[in-house]
């Protein structure tokens, strides 16, 4: 398991929406945004889907370490919350 460490920038619930092309209903989801430094020292914003955003609201503006799993759908690495 990996740990994603960085500055928690946001913790929100994205409301449900409808896909304009297919009409599919997209359910609400909770997202935490973490600002991390890449290998060059540049800031990168990582969006993590989480079961509940409320525990992360207290961490906004603070450094945090979040357990994640990594996957690479193509060339860039993406992260999901480890449970």
Protein backbone atom coordinates (compact mmCIF):
# COMPACT_ATOMS: atom_id res chain seq x y z
CA UNK A 1 0.00 0.00 0.00
CA UNK A 2 1.13 3.55 -0.74
CA UNK A 3 0.58 6.75 1.19
CA UNK A 4 -0.31 9.96 -0.63
CA UNK A 5 1.05 12.90 1.37
CA UNK A 6 0.25 16.51 0.62
CA UNK A 7 -1.88 19.54 1.38
CA UNK A 8 -5.62 18.89 1.52
CA UNK A 9 -7.11 21.60 -0.69
CA UNK A 10 -10.78 20.61 -0.79
CA UNK A 11 -13.26 18.02 0.47
CA UNK A 12 -16.66 18.16 -1.22
CA UNK A 13 -19.63 16.16 -2.40
CA UNK A 14 -20.28 16.55 -6.12
CA UNK A 15 -24.04 16.52 -6.71
CA UNK A 16 -25.68 14.02 -9.05
CA UNK A 17 -25.86 14.96 -12.72
CA UNK A 18 -27.01 13.62 -16.07
CA UNK A 19 -24.71 12.69 -18.96
CA UNK A 20 -25.77 14.96 -21.84
CA UNK A 21 -24.98 12.42 -24.54
CA UNK A 22 -26.39 9.21 -23.05
CA UNK A 23 -28.90 10.49 -20.50
CA UNK A 24 -27.26 8.29 -17.88
CA UNK A 25 -27.70 9.56 -14.33
CA UNK A 26 -24.34 10.02 -12.61
CA UNK A 27 -24.72 9.59 -8.83
CA UNK A 28 -23.35 12.02 -6.26
CA UNK A 29 -19.78 11.31 -5.15
CA UNK A 30 -17.44 12.56 -2.47
CA UNK A 31 -14.04 13.87 -3.54
CA UNK A 32 -10.92 14.99 -1.67
CA UNK A 33 -8.36 17.11 -3.54
CA UNK A 34 -4.75 16.80 -2.40
CA UNK A 35 -1.92 19.01 -3.66
CA UNK A 36 1.33 17.05 -4.01
CA UNK A 37 4.78 17.77 -5.44
CA UNK A 38 5.84 15.78 -8.48
CA UNK A 39 9.42 14.59 -9.03
CA UNK A 40 10.33 17.98 -10.53
CA UNK A 41 9.00 19.89 -7.53
CA UNK A 42 5.92 21.15 -9.35
CA UNK A 43 2.49 21.13 -7.70
CA UNK A 44 -0.03 18.57 -8.90
CA UNK A 45 -3.65 18.26 -7.78
CA UNK A 46 -4.84 14.69 -7.11
CA UNK A 47 -8.59 13.99 -6.94
CA UNK A 48 -9.52 11.05 -4.70
CA UNK A 49 -13.03 9.62 -4.61
CA UNK A 50 -13.84 8.71 -0.99
CA UNK A 51 -16.88 7.16 0.70
CA UNK A 52 -17.48 10.28 2.84
CA UNK A 53 -15.85 13.70 2.45
CA UNK A 54 -16.77 14.99 5.92
CA UNK A 55 -13.84 13.44 7.86
CA UNK A 56 -11.47 15.28 5.49
CA UNK A 57 -13.07 18.72 5.96
CA UNK A 58 -11.13 19.19 9.22
CA UNK A 59 -7.89 18.55 7.28
CA UNK A 60 -8.44 21.29 4.68
CA UNK A 61 -5.39 23.56 4.55
CA UNK A 62 -3.29 21.01 6.46
CA UNK A 63 -0.75 18.38 5.47
CA UNK A 64 -2.16 14.85 5.54
CA UNK A 65 -1.17 11.31 4.61
CA UNK A 66 -3.88 9.18 3.00
CA UNK A 67 -3.50 5.45 2.25
CA UNK A 68 -4.05 4.78 -1.47
CA UNK A 69 -3.64 2.19 -4.19
CA UNK A 70 -2.08 3.31 -7.48
CA UNK A 71 -3.02 2.32 -11.02
CA UNK A 72 -1.83 3.46 -14.43
CA UNK A 73 -4.61 3.57 -17.06
CA UNK A 74 -2.31 4.64 -19.88
CA UNK A 75 0.78 6.67 -19.08
CA UNK A 76 -0.02 8.65 -15.93
CA UNK A 77 -0.47 7.15 -12.48
CA UNK A 78 -3.85 7.54 -10.76
CA UNK A 79 -4.77 6.88 -7.14
CA UNK A 80 -7.77 5.39 -5.31
CA UNK A 81 -8.44 5.36 -1.59
CA UNK A 82 -7.16 2.20 0.11
CA UNK A 83 -9.82 0.56 2.24
